[in-house]
Amino acid sequence: MRKLWINARVVTGAAGVTPGALEVLTEGDRIVAVGATLDRAGAELVDCGGALMTPALIDCHTHLVYGGNRAREFELRLEGASYEQIAREGGGIASTMAATRALSVDELVASALPRLDHLLAEGVGTVEIKSGYGLEIEAELNMLRAARRLAGIRPVRVVTSWLAAHALPPAYAGRAADYIREVAIAGLDMAHAEGLVDAVDAFCEGIAFSPDELEPLFAHAARLGLPVKLHAEQLTRSGGVQMAARHGALSADHVEYAVAEDAVAMAAAGTVAVLLPGAFYTLRETRLPPVGAFREHGVRMALATDCNPGTSPVTSLLLIMNMGATLFRLTVPECLDGVTGIAAAALGLGAETGRIAPGLSADFALWEAESVALLVNRIGFNPLKWRVFKGEIA
């Protein structure tokens, strides 16, 4: 089915945020042409009513599948406890472990579906979902099984990341190397064999794993032909960004404690900096990511919700765009690119989605908004008119 999307003010993507009076021709799930006046022969006309058209949004870092909640830890932080203190006393990731292990795949899907629906209602067409709360092989596999199932329930592209190296469970206290070998690597082989994993992630931090402890995991990912990414330099400068760059990582995420030297390494490796202002806000952090250094050295910057039960209970990518601008001083074009084209690059999908261009998937969002600035400026306001996924209004 050929469709010609007319009467839209189109923002194609990386070229900027000034809407153009363009038409978009799609055939099936692909964009065929973009231009001022396109051939209408044999095409169904879709009148967009003057709406603003952007690429569909992409949430490139989420922990969308999990059990339970961590509202009590929110209260503890308000009373003065730090994230590190809560984690070391059995809270944080470890507290979500038991709740997640207790759920079946069906129950994990049911708990995650409302969170996914919130994202889709704001024009999101692609979502990355990580494991990382099971911390044992079967529970980790179940998280990714649930993620794959979500993609069959809703019209959305789901990209999965194996994040078994998220925290050290109590049963492996003091035995990080054993955990990496017996759970993170052994489980990765099983996930890969089952077709559950698109990339490998890890948490490189003092309360999690060191670069040296993670090297065997990343080396094994390379042997399997899987790309890597890394939670790095969130709470301290641990050397994670340098490790990520050495391995040609798709992204290094959080990166508040990265420095200019890290920006140089990321630029050389083509590693995207995924900024997560929701966690920065929730944890009341004060150390800003080195946005100036990233700009100076040409490091691409993405934005994502980091949706998780503890440190970023956020299911609004529009809110994250506002936070990126307000807290991190990103410009409006940087915010839009950060949740479209650059977010696609952070997932290895730059040739598939994230821009409105011939050959790419027909994923776009139409907004009842005068400008992209209104998408970033407004808080608690969702002007979505239509979400289009693979050429269909979803």
Protein backbone atom coordinates (compact mmCIF):
# COMPACT_ATOMS: atom_id res chain seq x y z
CA MET A 1 0.00 0.00 0.00
CA ARG A 2 1.42 3.35 -1.09
CA LYS A 3 0.47 6.34 1.07
CA LEU A 4 1.24 9.99 0.51
CA TRP A 5 1.27 11.96 3.73
CA ILE A 6 0.34 15.54 2.84
CA ASN A 7 -0.34 18.83 4.60
CA ALA A 8 2.32 18.29 7.27
CA ARG A 9 5.15 20.49 8.52
CA VAL A 10 7.98 18.00 8.37
CA VAL A 11 11.12 17.93 10.49
CA THR A 12 13.22 15.27 8.82
CA GLY A 13 15.74 14.88 11.64
CA ALA A 14 19.40 15.76 11.91
CA ALA A 15 19.17 18.59 9.36
CA GLY A 16 17.54 20.78 12.03
CA VAL A 17 14.21 21.61 13.57
CA THR A 18 12.72 24.09 11.10
CA PRO A 19 9.60 22.42 9.69
CA GLY A 20 9.29 22.24 5.94
CA ALA A 21 6.14 21.98 3.82
CA LEU A 22 7.10 18.52 2.59
CA GLU A 23 5.24 15.42 1.51
CA VAL A 24 6.24 11.93 2.58
CA LEU A 25 5.60 8.91 0.37
CA THR A 26 5.54 5.50 2.04
CA GLU A 27 5.14 2.04 0.61
CA GLY A 28 4.41 -0.71 3.10
CA ASP A 29 6.66 -0.10 6.08
CA ARG A 30 9.26 2.03 4.23
CA ILE A 31 9.68 5.68 3.37
CA VAL A 32 10.05 5.93 -0.41
CA ALA A 33 10.46 9.66 -0.97
CA VAL A 34 10.38 13.02 0.79
CA GLY A 35 9.86 16.19 -1.19
CA ALA A 36 7.89 19.36 -1.80
CA THR A 37 5.58 17.84 -4.43
CA LEU A 38 5.54 14.08 -4.98
CA ASP A 39 3.80 11.89 -7.55
CA ARG A 40 0.36 10.96 -6.26
CA ALA A 41 -0.34 8.20 -8.78
CA GLY A 42 -1.58 5.06 -7.06
CA ALA A 43 -1.15 6.46 -3.56
CA GLU A 44 -3.71 6.83 -0.81
CA LEU A 45 -3.67 10.43 0.41
CA VAL A 46 -3.36 10.96 4.16
CA ASP A 47 -4.13 14.54 5.14
CA CYS A 48 -2.12 15.41 8.26
CA GLY A 49 -4.15 18.55 8.92
CA GLY A 50 -1.18 20.86 9.17
CA ALA A 51 0.39 18.89 12.03
CA LEU A 52 4.08 18.97 12.89
CA MET A 53 5.75 15.72 11.77
CA THR A 54 8.94 14.44 13.39
CA PRO A 55 10.61 11.06 13.41
CA ALA A 56 8.98 8.75 15.96
CA LEU A 57 10.72 9.12 19.29
CA ILE A 58 13.21 6.52 20.53
CA ASP A 59 13.81 5.65 24.19
CA CYS A 60 17.29 4.15 24.00
CA HIS A 61 17.85 3.26 27.68
CA THR A 62 15.12 1.68 29.83
CA HIS A 63 14.72 -0.96 32.53
CA LEU A 64 11.05 -1.28 31.64
CA VAL A 65 10.59 -4.91 32.77
CA TYR A 66 10.76 -5.48 36.53
CA GLY A 67 8.75 -6.49 39.58
CA GLY A 68 7.70 -4.45 42.59
CA ASN A 69 8.53 -0.82 43.32
CA ARG A 70 11.00 1.17 45.40
CA ALA A 71 8.83 3.96 46.76
CA ARG A 72 10.17 3.36 50.28
CA GLU A 73 13.69 4.10 49.06
CA PHE A 74 12.40 7.37 47.66
CA GLU A 75 11.28 8.21 51.16
CA LEU A 76 14.67 7.19 52.60
CA ARG A 77 16.49 9.47 50.19
CA LEU A 78 14.21 12.32 51.24
CA GLU A 79 15.26 11.56 54.81
CA GLY A 80 18.93 11.84 53.90
CA ALA A 81 20.09 8.38 52.82
CA SER A 82 22.33 8.24 49.74
CA TYR A 83 21.91 5.91 46.75
CA GLU A 84 25.18 4.17 47.68
CA GLN A 85 24.09 3.72 51.32
CA ILE A 86 20.74 2.24 50.30
CA ALA A 87 22.44 -0.12 47.86
CA ARG A 88 25.04 -1.32 50.36
CA GLU A 89 22.30 -2.03 52.93
CA GLY A 90 20.44 -4.37 50.60
CA GLY A 91 18.24 -1.86 48.82
CA GLY A 92 18.55 -0.53 45.31
CA ILE A 93 18.93 -3.08 42.54
CA ALA A 94 19.14 -5.99 44.98
CA SER A 95 15.73 -5.12 46.47
CA THR A 96 14.10 -5.33 43.04
CA MET A 97 15.78 -8.70 42.49
CA ALA A 98 13.42 -10.67 44.75
CA ALA A 99 10.30 -9.01 43.35
CA THR A 100 11.40 -9.70 39.78
CA ARG A 101 12.40 -13.31 40.42
CA ALA A 102 8.95 -13.95 41.90
CA LEU A 103 7.13 -13.08 38.65
CA SER A 104 6.44 -15.33 35.67
CA VAL A 105 7.00 -14.11 32.13
CA ASP A 106 3.27 -13.43 31.83
CA GLU A 107 3.33 -11.39 35.04
CA LEU A 108 6.41 -9.45 33.93
CA VAL A 109 4.63 -8.60 30.67
CA ALA A 110 1.51 -7.48 32.52
CA SER A 111 3.45 -5.24 34.88
CA ALA A 112 5.51 -3.67 32.09
CA LEU A 113 2.67 -3.08 29.64
CA PRO A 114 1.25 0.07 31.30
CA ARG A 115 4.74 1.61 31.35
CA LEU A 116 5.21 0.80 27.68
CA ASP A 117 1.81 2.27 26.84
CA HIS A 118 2.76 5.56 28.51
CA LEU A 119 5.79 5.79 26.25
CA LEU A 120 3.86 4.92 23.10
CA ALA A 121 1.23 7.54 23.93
CA GLU A 122 3.98 10.16 23.57
CA GLY A 123 5.04 9.16 20.08
CA VAL A 124 7.69 6.56 20.89
CA GLY A 125 8.28 3.99 18.15
CA THR A 126 11.39 2.21 19.46
CA VAL A 127 12.23 1.17 23.02
CA GLU A 128 15.35 -0.45 24.40
CA ILE A 129 14.66 -2.84 27.31
CA LYS A 130 17.36 -4.30 29.56
CA SER A 131 17.48 -7.30 31.82
CA GLY A 132 19.39 -6.81 35.08
CA TYR A 133 16.97 -7.35 37.95
CA GLY A 134 16.95 -11.16 37.99
CA LEU A 135 20.66 -11.60 38.77
CA GLU A 136 20.36 -15.33 38.09
CA ILE A 137 20.21 -16.92 34.67
CA GLU A 138 16.56 -17.98 34.42
CA ALA A 139 15.21 -14.73 35.86
CA GLU A 140 17.40 -12.70 33.50
CA LEU A 141 16.18 -14.76 30.56
CA ASN A 142 12.58 -14.26 31.66
CA MET A 143 13.03 -10.49 31.60
CA LEU A 144 14.16 -10.59 27.98
CA ARG A 145 11.46 -13.10 27.07
CA ALA A 146 8.96 -10.60 28.44
CA ALA A 147 10.59 -7.80 26.43
CA ARG A 148 10.34 -9.81 23.21
CA ARG A 149 6.70 -10.60 23.97
CA LEU A 150 5.88 -6.91 24.46
CA ALA A 151 6.94 -6.29 20.86
CA GLY A 152 4.33 -8.82 19.74
CA ILE A 153 1.55 -7.21 21.79
CA ARG A 154 2.06 -3.59 20.75
CA PRO A 155 3.19 -2.00 17.45
CA VAL A 156 6.66 -1.00 18.65
CA ARG A 157 10.27 -1.93 17.94
CA VAL A 158 11.91 -3.43 21.04
CA VAL A 159 15.69 -3.72 21.29
CA THR A 160 17.02 -5.86 24.13
CA SER A 161 20.19 -5.62 26.22
CA TRP A 162 21.66 -8.36 28.43
CA LEU A 163 22.47 -6.58 31.71
CA ALA A 164 23.15 -9.47 34.07
CA ALA A 165 26.25 -7.54 35.22
CA HIS A 166 24.04 -4.94 36.90
CA ALA A 167 24.78 -5.75 40.53
CA LEU A 168 26.36 -8.53 42.58
CA PRO A 169 23.63 -10.61 44.27
CA PRO A 170 24.11 -11.61 47.91
CA ALA A 171 24.88 -15.23 46.99
CA TYR A 172 28.00 -14.05 45.17
CA ALA A 173 29.23 -11.50 47.74
CA GLY A 174 32.99 -11.07 47.31
CA ARG A 175 33.02 -13.30 44.19
CA ALA A 176 32.53 -10.92 41.30
CA ALA A 177 34.69 -12.96 38.92
CA ASP A 178 32.66 -16.10 39.62
CA TYR A 179 29.40 -14.22 39.02
CA ILE A 180 30.60 -12.82 35.70
CA ARG A 181 31.68 -16.29 34.57
CA GLU A 182 28.83 -18.39 35.97
CA VAL A 183 25.88 -16.03 35.44
CA ALA A 184 26.69 -13.10 33.15
CA ILE A 185 28.67 -15.05 30.56
CA ALA A 186 26.96 -18.44 30.86
CA GLY A 187 23.56 -16.79 30.75
CA LEU A 188 24.57 -14.65 27.79
CA ASP A 189 25.30 -17.79 25.80
CA MET A 190 21.81 -19.07 26.57
CA ALA A 191 20.15 -15.74 25.78
CA HIS A 192 22.03 -15.52 22.49
CA ALA A 193 21.08 -19.08 21.54
CA GLU A 194 17.42 -18.26 22.23
CA GLY A 195 17.55 -15.07 20.15
CA LEU A 196 16.79 -12.86 23.12
CA VAL A 197 19.70 -10.44 23.10
CA ASP A 198 20.62 -7.58 20.77
CA ALA A 199 23.43 -6.02 22.85
CA VAL A 200 25.38 -6.51 26.09
CA ASP A 201 25.39 -3.91 28.86
CA ALA A 202 26.93 -3.67 32.34
CA PHE A 203 27.14 -1.32 35.33
CA CYS A 204 30.69 -0.11 35.85
CA GLU A 205 30.77 1.56 39.27
CA GLY A 206 32.17 1.16 42.77
CA ILE A 207 28.91 -0.40 43.96
CA ALA A 208 28.79 -2.74 40.95
CA PHE A 209 31.71 -3.93 38.76
CA SER A 210 35.15 -2.60 37.85
CA PRO A 211 36.48 -2.38 34.28
CA ASP A 212 38.81 -5.32 34.95
CA GLU A 213 35.93 -7.46 36.20
CA LEU A 214 33.89 -6.65 33.10
CA GLU A 215 36.62 -7.28 30.51
CA PRO A 216 35.83 -11.04 30.17
CA LEU A 217 32.16 -10.27 29.56
CA PHE A 218 32.86 -7.73 26.85
CA ALA A 219 35.42 -10.01 25.24
CA HIS A 220 32.81 -12.78 25.16
CA ALA A 221 30.25 -10.43 23.63
CA ALA A 222 32.74 -9.71 20.85
CA ARG A 223 33.16 -13.43 20.20
CA LEU A 224 29.39 -13.71 19.82
CA GLY A 225 29.30 -10.72 17.49
CA LEU A 226 27.18 -8.66 19.89
CA PRO A 227 27.65 -4.90 20.36
CA VAL A 228 28.27 -3.55 23.85
CA LYS A 229 27.23 -0.51 25.87
CA LEU A 230 28.00 0.53 29.42
CA HIS A 231 26.57 2.34 32.44
CA ALA A 232 29.64 4.45 33.16
CA GLU A 233 30.86 7.33 35.34
CA GLN A 234 27.49 7.87 37.02
CA LEU A 235 28.58 8.24 40.63
CA THR A 236 32.38 8.27 40.35
CA ARG A 237 35.01 8.24 37.63
CA SER A 238 35.70 4.52 37.43
CA GLY A 239 37.33 4.26 34.02
CA GLY A 240 34.22 2.83 32.43
CA VAL A 241 34.06 5.30 29.55
CA GLN A 242 37.62 4.48 28.52
CA MET A 243 36.77 0.78 28.61
CA ALA A 244 33.61 1.34 26.58
CA ALA A 245 35.56 3.29 23.97
CA ARG A 246 38.25 0.59 23.75
CA HIS A 247 35.53 -1.92 22.92
CA GLY A 248 33.86 0.36 20.36
CA ALA A 249 30.72 0.53 22.48
CA LEU A 250 27.51 1.80 20.93
CA SER A 251 27.02 4.04 23.96
CA ALA A 252 28.26 5.06 27.37
CA ASP A 253 25.33 6.02 29.59
CA HIS A 254 24.95 8.47 32.52
CA VAL A 255 28.56 9.80 32.21
CA GLU A 256 28.20 12.62 34.76
CA TYR A 257 31.78 12.03 35.96
CA ALA A 258 33.29 11.79 32.48
CA VAL A 259 36.00 14.33 31.62
CA ALA A 260 37.44 15.82 28.44
CA GLU A 261 39.83 12.89 28.04
CA ASP A 262 36.83 10.57 27.99
CA ALA A 263 35.09 12.74 25.40
CA VAL A 264 38.13 12.41 23.13
CA ALA A 265 38.05 8.62 23.44
CA MET A 266 34.31 8.44 22.82
CA ALA A 267 34.54 10.63 19.74
CA ALA A 268 37.31 8.47 18.28
CA ALA A 269 35.29 5.30 18.90
CA GLY A 270 31.98 6.76 17.69
CA THR A 271 30.45 5.98 21.09
CA VAL A 272 27.25 7.90 21.85
CA ALA A 273 26.84 9.62 25.23
CA VAL A 274 23.37 8.71 26.54
CA LEU A 275 22.37 11.36 29.06
CA LEU A 276 19.83 10.36 31.70
CA PRO A 277 18.47 13.46 33.43
CA GLY A 278 15.69 11.51 35.13
CA ALA A 279 18.22 9.70 37.34
CA PHE A 280 20.17 12.94 37.86
CA TYR A 281 16.95 14.60 39.03
CA THR A 282 15.67 11.74 41.18
CA LEU A 283 18.99 11.27 42.97
CA ARG A 284 19.40 15.04 43.36
CA GLU A 285 22.86 14.86 41.85
CA THR A 286 24.95 17.98 41.33
CA ARG A 287 27.70 16.76 39.01
CA LEU A 288 26.64 17.67 35.45
CA PRO A 289 27.76 15.59 32.48
CA PRO A 290 30.49 17.36 30.46
CA VAL A 291 28.17 18.60 27.72
CA GLY A 292 30.66 21.30 26.67
CA ALA A 293 33.42 18.74 26.18
CA PHE A 294 31.07 16.46 24.26
CA ARG A 295 30.19 19.32 21.93
CA GLU A 296 33.82 20.39 21.53
CA HIS A 297 35.00 16.92 20.58
CA GLY A 298 31.98 15.92 18.49
CA VAL A 299 30.47 13.29 20.79
CA ARG A 300 26.85 12.67 19.86
CA MET A 301 24.43 13.00 22.78
CA ALA A 302 21.22 11.02 23.19
CA LEU A 303 18.53 11.35 25.86
CA ALA A 304 16.52 8.53 27.45
CA THR A 305 14.15 7.94 30.36
CA ASP A 306 16.24 5.29 32.18
CA CYS A 307 12.79 4.08 33.29
CA ASN A 308 13.37 1.97 36.40
CA PRO A 309 11.68 1.47 39.79
CA GLY A 310 14.27 3.25 41.89
CA THR A 311 16.42 5.97 40.43
CA SER A 312 14.36 7.13 37.44
CA PRO A 313 10.68 6.15 37.71
CA VAL A 314 9.96 8.08 34.50
CA THR A 315 7.76 7.02 31.60
CA SER A 316 7.72 10.33 29.71
CA LEU A 317 10.29 11.01 27.02
CA LEU A 318 8.77 14.46 26.50
CA LEU A 319 9.56 15.26 30.14
CA ILE A 320 13.10 13.96 29.62
CA MET A 321 13.53 16.37 26.70
CA ASN A 322 12.57 19.23 29.00
CA MET A 323 14.93 17.96 31.69
CA GLY A 324 17.74 17.68 29.14
CA ALA A 325 17.24 21.30 28.21
CA THR A 326 16.62 22.65 31.71
CA LEU A 327 19.10 20.62 33.75
CA PHE A 328 21.83 19.93 31.17
CA ARG A 329 21.33 23.03 28.98
CA LEU A 330 20.86 21.13 25.74
CA THR A 331 19.41 23.10 22.84
CA VAL A 332 16.06 22.28 21.24
CA PRO A 333 17.72 20.64 18.20
CA GLU A 334 19.97 18.62 20.52
CA CYS A 335 16.94 17.43 22.48
CA LEU A 336 15.04 16.31 19.38
CA ASP A 337 18.06 14.65 17.79
CA GLY A 338 18.80 13.06 21.16
CA VAL A 339 15.51 11.16 21.13
CA THR A 340 15.45 10.40 17.40
CA GLY A 341 18.49 10.05 15.13
CA ILE A 342 21.18 9.95 17.81
CA ALA A 343 19.10 7.62 19.99
CA ALA A 344 18.88 5.32 16.96
CA ALA A 345 22.68 5.39 16.65
CA ALA A 346 22.98 4.48 20.34
CA LEU A 347 21.07 1.28 19.48
CA GLY A 348 22.87 0.56 16.22
CA LEU A 349 19.72 1.44 14.28
CA GLY A 350 20.85 4.55 12.44
CA ALA A 351 20.18 2.92 9.07
CA GLU A 352 16.70 1.76 10.11
CA THR A 353 14.92 4.55 11.97
CA GLY A 354 15.33 7.92 13.67
CA ARG A 355 15.00 10.15 10.60
CA ILE A 356 12.39 10.82 7.92
CA ALA A 357 14.38 9.80 4.87
CA PRO A 358 14.01 7.42 1.92
CA GLY A 359 14.82 3.81 2.72
CA LEU A 360 14.14 4.08 6.44
CA SER A 361 11.24 2.61 8.37
CA ALA A 362 8.11 4.75 8.18
CA ASP A 363 8.16 5.66 11.86
CA PHE A 364 7.02 9.17 12.67
CA ALA A 365 4.94 11.21 15.05
CA LEU A 366 2.49 13.98 14.25
CA TRP A 367 1.96 16.71 16.82
CA GLU A 368 -0.58 19.46 17.36
CA ALA A 369 2.26 21.89 18.03
CA GLU A 370 3.52 24.99 16.28
CA SER A 371 7.19 24.14 16.73
CA VAL A 372 9.61 21.58 18.13
CA ALA A 373 10.38 24.05 20.91
CA LEU A 374 6.86 23.45 22.25
CA LEU A 375 7.62 19.74 22.56
CA VAL A 376 10.61 20.57 24.74
CA ASN A 377 9.25 23.60 26.59
CA ARG A 378 5.91 22.32 27.87
CA ILE A 379 5.78 20.17 31.03
CA GLY A 380 2.98 17.67 31.55
CA PHE A 381 1.54 18.38 28.11
CA ASN A 382 1.24 15.79 25.35
CA PRO A 383 0.25 17.23 21.94
CA LEU A 384 0.51 13.93 20.05
CA LYS A 385 -1.98 13.67 17.17
CA TRP A 386 -0.87 10.39 15.58
CA ARG A 387 1.88 7.85 16.12
CA VAL A 388 2.89 6.14 12.91
CA PHE A 389 4.85 2.88 13.12
CA LYS A 390 6.01 1.08 9.96
CA GLY A 391 3.63 3.11 7.83
CA GLU A 392 0.48 2.56 9.90
CA ILE A 393 -1.25 4.88 12.36
CA ALA A 394 -0.80 2.92 15.58
